[in-house]
Amino acid sequence: MAGPDVNPRAAGLVLGYLADQAFGDPRRGHPVSGFGRIARTTERALYADHRAAGTLFTAVLVGGAAGLGYGVDRLTRRRPLVRTAVTAAATWTVLGGRSLAREATTIDGQLRRADLPAARRQVTHLVGRDPSRLDAAGVARATLESLAENTSDAVVAPLLWGAVAGPAGLLGYRAANTLDARVGHRTPRHERFGWASARFDDLLNLAPARLSALLAAGLGERPGAALTAWRRDAHRHPSPNAGPVEAAFAGALGVTLGGVNVYQGVVEDRGTLGDGPAPEPGDIARGVRLAARVGAGALAVSAVVASASTVVARIT
């Protein structure tokens, strides 16, 4: 596929995306799990309750992952088929679209069978909120919010960074996103130590989140409503990146997302996104289809960006 007229980076992104859609994440031995073990060891070695230690922690791990990707990419620059394979393997490693859709579809089935206890347990795979008080509509809302945010984080963002920087962008982005999930939350231990990881992840997701929102509006059933919800409601969400995506999904699906959530006993009001009724279990399947269209749209955009960036690099 990566002959002389085919851009290896673009071809690798396409192949990696198709591999994720076909196979999803491996059940055992996932490289991200290995990175998590390295992160735990590094945290024990570098931890201190201040931002400087957390900044060093983030720089070492994200820099190491990006450096590994850059080195392999450089070593294969004169071998386009191998370079395509490396990019495809890195893309498959960092994408999570198939697994995300599988989780959401499982919850949809549980709610359709009226098995609320099972759906409450399953939704903890996607969100950190307390599921014990959630009714069926609450589980559906939590699933759609996670589906929207993670489509951006686990599909659109890695594809876009892979288009811009190849394997270095793919591995570096996934490392940053993993560290944000690990230490970026405002727990007493990580409030200062995790500051750099959280802020760097926010920075890396600024463009992908807005591309995700734009694609949700353009490829959804209600483009006008999606754009209106994005423009009007995104600022109500505490996250600068989750807000635009969740608001656009809410508008595109014609439902209301956001509201009050409980995290480890702490009540947090995330604002109201969209104008429609509360989500119903059947809305999850519509959300999964919208997420698939957003992922495919992001792949098309990323393939174009990858081809253009490679041409620019050759000229300069």
Foldseek 3Di string as FASTA:
>chain_A
DQPPVAQLLLLLLVLLVVCCQVPNADPPDQVVVVLVVVLVVLCVVQADQAQVSLQVSLCVSLVVQLVVQVVVLVVCVVPSVVNSNSLSVLSNSQAHLNVLLVLLVVLLVCVVVVVLVVLLVSLVVQDQFRSPPDDQLRSLQSSLLSLQLCLLLRFLLLLQLCLQRNSSRNRSLSRLVSLCVVQVDCDVRRVRSNVNSVVVNLVSRQVSLVLLLQQLLVVAPHNVQLVVLLVPPLVLAPRNRSSNRSLSNCRRLQEKHFAWTHHPNDIDGGTIHGDHYRDHSVSSVVSSVSSVSSNVVSSVVSSVSNVVNVVVVVVD
